[in-house]
PDB file of N, CA and C in Angstrom:
ATOM      1  N   MET A   1      -7.177   3.685  11.909  1.00  0.00           N
ATOM      2  CA  MET A   1      -6.648   4.404  10.836  1.00  0.00           C
ATOM      3  C   MET A   1      -7.023   4.119   9.379  1.00  0.00           C
ATOM      4  N   THR A   2      -7.566   5.155   8.645  1.00  0.00           N
ATOM      5  CA  THR A   2      -8.077   4.939   7.501  1.00  0.00           C
ATOM      6  C   THR A   2      -6.916   5.462   6.530  1.00  0.00           C
ATOM      7  N   ILE A   3      -6.504   4.296   5.700  1.00  0.00           N
ATOM      8  CA  ILE A   3      -5.646   4.674   4.672  1.00  0.00           C
ATOM      9  C   ILE A   3      -6.293   5.332   3.386  1.00  0.00           C
ATOM     10  N   THR A   4      -5.428   6.439   3.011  1.00  0.00           N
ATOM     11  CA  THR A   4      -5.914   7.124   1.813  1.00  0.00           C
ATOM     12  C   THR A   4      -4.802   7.229   0.658  1.00  0.00           C
ATOM     13  N   LYS A   5      -5.211   7.892  -0.502  1.00  0.00           N
ATOM     14  CA  LYS A   5      -4.183   7.861  -1.485  1.00  0.00           C
ATOM     15  C   LYS A   5      -2.997   8.523  -1.074  1.00  0.00           C
ATOM     16  N   ASP A   6      -2.932   9.468  -0.123  1.00  0.00           N
ATOM     17  CA  ASP A   6      -1.882  10.272   0.215  1.00  0.00           C
ATOM     18  C   ASP A   6      -1.059   9.585   1.389  1.00  0.00           C
ATOM     19  N   THR A   7      -1.480   8.595   1.672  1.00  0.00           N
ATOM     20  CA  THR A   7      -0.676   7.749   2.651  1.00  0.00           C
ATOM     21  C   THR A   7       0.492   7.166   2.139  1.00  0.00           C
ATOM     22  N   ILE A   8       1.730   7.254   3.126  1.00  0.00           N
ATOM     23  CA  ILE A   8       2.853   6.955   2.555  1.00  0.00           C
ATOM     24  C   ILE A   8       3.059   5.345   2.765  1.00  0.00           C
ATOM     25  N   ILE A   9       3.407   4.613   1.779  1.00  0.00           N
ATOM     26  CA  ILE A   9       3.503   2.989   1.924  1.00  0.00           C
ATOM     27  C   ILE A   9       4.328   2.583   3.117  1.00  0.00           C
ATOM     28  N   GLY A  10       5.378   3.222   3.310  1.00  0.00           N
ATOM     29  CA  GLY A  10       6.157   2.876   4.451  1.00  0.00           C
ATOM     30  C   GLY A  10       5.313   2.974   5.813  1.00  0.00           C
ATOM     31  N   ASP A  11       4.632   4.015   5.871  1.00  0.00           N
ATOM     32  CA  ASP A  11       3.658   4.180   7.143  1.00  0.00           C
ATOM     33  C   ASP A  11       2.529   3.166   7.362  1.00  0.00           C
ATOM     34  N   ILE A  12       2.239   2.574   6.080  1.00  0.00           N
ATOM     35  CA  ILE A  12       1.260   1.375   6.033  1.00  0.00           C
ATOM     36  C   ILE A  12       1.754   0.164   6.615  1.00  0.00           C
ATOM     37  N   LEU A  13       3.049   0.066   6.180  1.00  0.00           N
ATOM     38  CA  LEU A  13       3.769  -1.264   6.512  1.00  0.00           C
ATOM     39  C   LEU A  13       4.278  -1.231   7.893  1.00  0.00           C
ATOM     40  N   THR A  14       4.347  -0.069   8.328  1.00  0.00           N
ATOM     41  CA  THR A  14       4.848  -0.046   9.820  1.00  0.00           C
ATOM     42  C   THR A  14       3.735  -0.334  10.677  1.00  0.00           C
ATOM     43  N   ILE A  15       2.420   0.083  10.337  1.00  0.00           N
ATOM     44  CA  ILE A  15       1.351  -0.070  11.205  1.00  0.00           C
ATOM     45  C   ILE A  15       0.694  -1.410  10.892  1.00  0.00           C
ATOM     46  N   ALA A  16       0.690  -1.847   9.702  1.00  0.00           N
ATOM     47  CA  ALA A  16      -0.101  -3.090   9.167  1.00  0.00           C
ATOM     48  C   ALA A  16       0.790  -3.842   8.163  1.00  0.00           C
ATOM     49  N   PRO A  17       1.885  -4.394   8.874  1.00  0.00           N
ATOM     50  CA  PRO A  17       2.893  -5.306   7.864  1.00  0.00           C
ATOM     51  C   PRO A  17       2.161  -6.449   7.206  1.00  0.00           C
ATOM     52  N   GLN A  18       0.931  -6.877   7.703  1.00  0.00           N
ATOM     53  CA  GLN A  18       0.314  -7.775   7.043  1.00  0.00           C
ATOM     54  C   GLN A  18      -0.248  -7.372   5.499  1.00  0.00           C
ATOM     55  N   THR A  19      -0.043  -6.225   5.270  1.00  0.00           N
ATOM     56  CA  THR A  19      -0.604  -5.650   4.074  1.00  0.00           C
ATOM     57  C   THR A  19       0.438  -5.902   2.740  1.00  0.00           C
ATOM     58  N   ALA A  20       1.620  -6.246   3.189  1.00  0.00           N
ATOM     59  CA  ALA A  20       2.635  -6.322   2.181  1.00  0.00           C
ATOM     60  C   ALA A  20       2.414  -7.196   1.077  1.00  0.00           C
ATOM     61  N   PRO A  21       1.810  -8.265   1.132  1.00  0.00           N
ATOM     62  CA  PRO A  21       1.247  -9.181  -0.077  1.00  0.00           C
ATOM     63  C   PRO A  21       0.513  -8.310  -0.970  1.00  0.00           C
ATOM     64  N   LEU A  22      -0.408  -7.483  -0.589  1.00  0.00           N
ATOM     65  CA  LEU A  22      -1.146  -6.588  -1.503  1.00  0.00           C
ATOM     66  C   LEU A  22      -0.173  -5.618  -2.389  1.00  0.00           C
ATOM     67  N   PHE A  23       0.724  -5.067  -1.765  1.00  0.00           N
ATOM     68  CA  PHE A  23       1.680  -4.190  -2.534  1.00  0.00           C
ATOM     69  C   PHE A  23       2.595  -4.951  -3.533  1.00  0.00           C
ATOM     70  N   MET A  24       3.200  -6.289  -2.924  1.00  0.00           N
ATOM     71  CA  MET A  24       3.922  -7.214  -3.776  1.00  0.00           C
ATOM     72  C   MET A  24       3.003  -7.597  -4.864  1.00  0.00           C
ATOM     73  N   GLY A  25       1.727  -7.795  -4.636  1.00  0.00           N
ATOM     74  CA  GLY A  25       0.696  -8.226  -5.839  1.00  0.00           C
ATOM     75  C   GLY A  25       0.657  -7.239  -7.126  1.00  0.00           C
ATOM     76  N   ILE A  26       0.956  -6.134  -6.665  1.00  0.00           N
ATOM     77  CA  ILE A  26       0.779  -5.178  -7.729  1.00  0.00           C
ATOM     78  C   ILE A  26       2.277  -4.765  -8.400  1.00  0.00           C
ATOM     79  N   GLY A  27       3.189  -5.321  -7.995  1.00  0.00           N
ATOM     80  CA  GLY A  27       4.394  -5.089  -8.650  1.00  0.00           C
ATOM     81  C   GLY A  27       5.584  -4.641  -7.681  1.00  0.00           C
ATOM     82  N   MET A  28       5.194  -4.029  -6.643  1.00  0.00           N
ATOM     83  CA  MET A  28       6.111  -3.481  -5.825  1.00  0.00           C
ATOM     84  C   MET A  28       6.863  -4.618  -5.116  1.00  0.00           C
ATOM     85  N   HIS A  29       7.908  -5.247  -5.631  1.00  0.00           N
ATOM     86  CA  HIS A  29       8.754  -6.211  -5.122  1.00  0.00           C
ATOM     87  C   HIS A  29       9.713  -5.892  -4.365  1.00  0.00           C
ATOM     88  N   CYS A  30      10.110  -4.439  -4.161  1.00  0.00           N
ATOM     89  CA  CYS A  30      11.270  -3.749  -3.473  1.00  0.00           C
ATOM     90  C   CYS A  30      10.784  -3.149  -2.158  1.00  0.00           C
ATOM     91  N   LEU A  31       9.931  -3.632  -1.365  1.00  0.00           N
ATOM     92  CA  LEU A  31       9.311  -2.983  -0.343  1.00  0.00           C
ATOM     93  C   LEU A  31      10.097  -2.369   0.755  1.00  0.00           C
ATOM     94  N   GLY A  32      11.427  -2.891   0.735  1.00  0.00           N
ATOM     95  CA  GLY A  32      12.353  -2.508   1.691  1.00  0.00           C
ATOM     96  C   GLY A  32      13.109  -1.221   1.087  1.00  0.00           C
ATOM     97  N   CYS A  33      13.026  -1.047  -0.209  1.00  0.00           N
ATOM     98  CA  CYS A  33      13.914   0.106  -0.523  1.00  0.00           C
ATOM     99  C   CYS A  33      13.220   1.606  -0.058  1.00  0.00           C
ATOM    100  N   PRO A  34      14.230   2.406  -0.144  1.00  0.00           N
ATOM    101  CA  PRO A  34      13.579   3.768   0.588  1.00  0.00           C
ATOM    102  C   PRO A  34      12.609   4.383  -0.439  1.00  0.00           C
ATOM    103  N   ALA A  35      12.811   4.259  -1.900  1.00  0.00           N
ATOM    104  CA  ALA A  35      12.069   4.870  -2.911  1.00  0.00           C
ATOM    105  C   ALA A  35      10.554   4.397  -2.512  1.00  0.00           C
ATOM    106  N   SER A  36      10.507   3.027  -2.646  1.00  0.00           N
ATOM    107  CA  SER A  36       9.213   2.659  -2.660  1.00  0.00           C
ATOM    108  C   SER A  36       8.545   2.636  -1.471  1.00  0.00           C
ATOM    109  N   ARG A  37       9.128   2.840  -0.356  1.00  0.00           N
ATOM    110  CA  ARG A  37       8.463   2.874   1.275  1.00  0.00           C
ATOM    111  C   ARG A  37       8.294   4.488   1.201  1.00  0.00           C
ATOM    112  N   GLY A  38       8.673   5.220   0.638  1.00  0.00           N
ATOM    113  CA  GLY A  38       8.467   6.668   0.462  1.00  0.00           C
ATOM    114  C   GLY A  38       7.411   7.256  -0.480  1.00  0.00           C
ATOM    115  N   GLU A  39       6.975   6.229  -1.190  1.00  0.00           N
ATOM    116  CA  GLU A  39       5.987   6.719  -2.170  1.00  0.00           C
ATOM    117  C   GLU A  39       4.550   6.526  -1.423  1.00  0.00           C
ATOM    118  N   THR A  40       3.580   7.589  -2.036  1.00  0.00           N
ATOM    119  CA  THR A  40       2.153   7.399  -1.553  1.00  0.00           C
ATOM    120  C   THR A  40       1.511   6.356  -2.197  1.00  0.00           C
ATOM    121  N   VAL A  41       0.393   6.066  -1.838  1.00  0.00           N
ATOM    122  CA  VAL A  41      -0.447   4.833  -2.336  1.00  0.00           C
ATOM    123  C   VAL A  41      -0.856   5.419  -3.937  1.00  0.00           C
ATOM    124  N   GLU A  42      -1.228   6.579  -4.050  1.00  0.00           N
ATOM    125  CA  GLU A  42      -1.458   7.202  -5.444  1.00  0.00           C
ATOM    126  C   GLU A  42      -0.317   6.827  -6.170  1.00  0.00           C
ATOM    127  N   GLU A  43       1.030   7.494  -5.801  1.00  0.00           N
ATOM    128  CA  GLU A  43       2.111   7.230  -6.488  1.00  0.00           C
ATOM    129  C   GLU A  43       2.326   5.779  -7.002  1.00  0.00           C
ATOM    130  N   ALA A  44       2.164   4.960  -6.146  1.00  0.00           N
ATOM    131  CA  ALA A  44       2.600   3.473  -6.444  1.00  0.00           C
ATOM    132  C   ALA A  44       1.541   2.967  -7.264  1.00  0.00           C
ATOM    133  N   CYS A  45       0.209   3.361  -7.241  1.00  0.00           N
ATOM    134  CA  CYS A  45      -0.730   2.860  -8.309  1.00  0.00           C
ATOM    135  C   CYS A  45      -0.401   3.525  -9.582  1.00  0.00           C
ATOM    136  N   MET A  46      -0.097   4.755  -9.594  1.00  0.00           N
ATOM    137  CA  MET A  46       0.334   5.377 -10.962  1.00  0.00           C
ATOM    138  C   MET A  46       1.415   4.701 -11.558  1.00  0.00           C
ATOM    139  N   VAL A  47       2.477   4.229 -11.045  1.00  0.00           N
ATOM    140  CA  VAL A  47       3.589   3.527 -11.542  1.00  0.00           C
ATOM    141  C   VAL A  47       3.319   2.178 -11.845  1.00  0.00           C
ATOM    142  N   HIS A  48       2.457   1.401 -11.092  1.00  0.00           N
ATOM    143  CA  HIS A  48       2.248   0.166 -11.344  1.00  0.00           C
ATOM    144  C   HIS A  48       0.850   0.005 -12.085  1.00  0.00           C
ATOM    145  N   GLY A  49       0.238   1.053 -12.459  1.00  0.00           N
ATOM    146  CA  GLY A  49      -0.982   0.720 -13.515  1.00  0.00           C
ATOM    147  C   GLY A  49      -2.051   0.044 -12.623  1.00  0.00           C
ATOM    148  N   VAL A  50      -2.361   0.454 -11.291  1.00  0.00           N
ATOM    149  CA  VAL A  50      -3.335  -0.085 -10.637  1.00  0.00           C
ATOM    150  C   VAL A  50      -4.424   1.060 -10.360  1.00  0.00           C
ATOM    151  N   GLU A  51      -5.504   0.596 -10.156  1.00  0.00           N
ATOM    152  CA  GLU A  51      -6.679   1.719  -9.726  1.00  0.00           C
ATOM    153  C   GLU A  51      -6.640   2.085  -8.337  1.00  0.00           C
ATOM    154  N   VAL A  52      -6.359   3.118  -7.805  1.00  0.00           N
ATOM    155  CA  VAL A  52      -6.014   3.472  -6.404  1.00  0.00           C
ATOM    156  C   VAL A  52      -7.125   3.213  -5.713  1.00  0.00           C
ATOM    157  N   GLU A  53      -8.496   3.401  -6.059  1.00  0.00           N
ATOM    158  CA  GLU A  53      -9.661   3.173  -5.249  1.00  0.00           C
ATOM    159  C   GLU A  53      -9.604   1.786  -4.885  1.00  0.00           C
ATOM    160  N   ASP A  54      -9.345   0.763  -5.888  1.00  0.00           N
ATOM    161  CA  ASP A  54      -9.561  -0.698  -5.677  1.00  0.00           C
ATOM    162  C   ASP A  54      -8.352  -1.141  -4.700  1.00  0.00           C
ATOM    163  N   LEU A  55      -7.244  -0.534  -4.584  1.00  0.00           N
ATOM    164  CA  LEU A  55      -6.155  -0.995  -3.757  1.00  0.00           C
ATOM    165  C   LEU A  55      -6.546  -0.588  -2.247  1.00  0.00           C
ATOM    166  N   LEU A  56      -7.003   0.691  -2.343  1.00  0.00           N
ATOM    167  CA  LEU A  56      -7.397   1.326  -1.169  1.00  0.00           C
ATOM    168  C   LEU A  56      -8.427   0.490  -0.305  1.00  0.00           C
ATOM    169  N   ALA A  57      -9.300   0.058  -1.242  1.00  0.00           N
ATOM    170  CA  ALA A  57     -10.466  -0.644  -0.653  1.00  0.00           C
ATOM    171  C   ALA A  57     -10.058  -2.193  -0.081  1.00  0.00           C
ATOM    172  N   LYS A  58      -9.001  -2.727  -0.734  1.00  0.00           N
ATOM    173  CA  LYS A  58      -8.450  -4.075  -0.171  1.00  0.00           C
ATOM    174  C   LYS A  58      -7.549  -3.792   0.856  1.00  0.00           C
ATOM    175  N   VAL A  59      -6.826  -2.635   1.084  1.00  0.00           N
ATOM    176  CA  VAL A  59      -5.898  -2.320   2.228  1.00  0.00           C
ATOM    177  C   VAL A  59      -6.760  -2.002   3.461  1.00  0.00           C
ATOM    178  N   ASN A  60      -7.701  -1.141   3.241  1.00  0.00           N
ATOM    179  CA  ASN A  60      -8.472  -0.893   4.368  1.00  0.00           C
ATOM    180  C   ASN A  60      -9.436  -1.912   5.221  1.00  0.00           C
ATOM    181  N   ALA A  61      -9.867  -2.853   4.035  1.00  0.00           N
ATOM    182  CA  ALA A  61     -10.527  -4.055   4.400  1.00  0.00           C
ATOM    183  C   ALA A  61      -9.712  -5.087   5.250  1.00  0.00           C
ATOM    184  N   MET A  62      -8.505  -5.207   4.762  1.00  0.00           N
ATOM    185  CA  MET A  62      -7.523  -5.915   5.381  1.00  0.00           C
ATOM    186  C   MET A  62      -7.154  -5.419   6.878  1.00  0.00           C
ATOM    187  N   ILE A  63      -6.894  -4.132   6.990  1.00  0.00           N
ATOM    188  CA  ILE A  63      -6.628  -3.669   8.107  1.00  0.00           C
ATOM    189  C   ILE A  63      -7.904  -3.635   9.204  1.00  0.00           C
ATOM    190  N   ALA A  64      -8.909  -3.247   8.676  1.00  0.00           N
ATOM    191  CA  ALA A  64     -10.122  -3.517   9.405  1.00  0.00           C
ATOM    192  C   ALA A  64     -10.480  -4.955  10.007  1.00  0.00           C
ATOM    193  N   ALA A  65     -10.215  -5.715   9.060  1.00  0.00           N
ATOM    194  CA  ALA A  65     -10.322  -7.398   9.606  1.00  0.00           C
ATOM    195  C   ALA A  65      -9.511  -7.733  10.602  1.00  0.00           C
ATOM    196  N   GLY A  66      -8.435  -6.966  10.758  1.00  0.00           N
ATOM    197  CA  GLY A  66      -7.159  -7.522  11.671  1.00  0.00           C
ATOM    198  C   GLY A  66      -6.474  -8.658  10.920  1.00  0.00           C
ATOM    199  N   GLU A  67      -6.495  -8.902   9.852  1.00  0.00           N
ATOM    200  CA  GLU A  67      -5.624  -9.631   9.159  1.00  0.00           C
ATOM    201  C   GLU A  67      -4.289  -9.464   9.027  1.00  0.00           C
TER     202      GLU A  67
END
């Protein structure tokens, strides 16, 4: 699965829980709350001032590596 800017954070955490530290690192400290889990990657990046392409590269690399 390739993560895109439209992928929901909750879906990512379900299939790749090891990515949680990446989201925590951009300021998403409440990954368990329904609001944050329902955001897309693009929405989360806008709220937290992060470049979406940078985060996508890190998430997809982590998933591809099986980390």
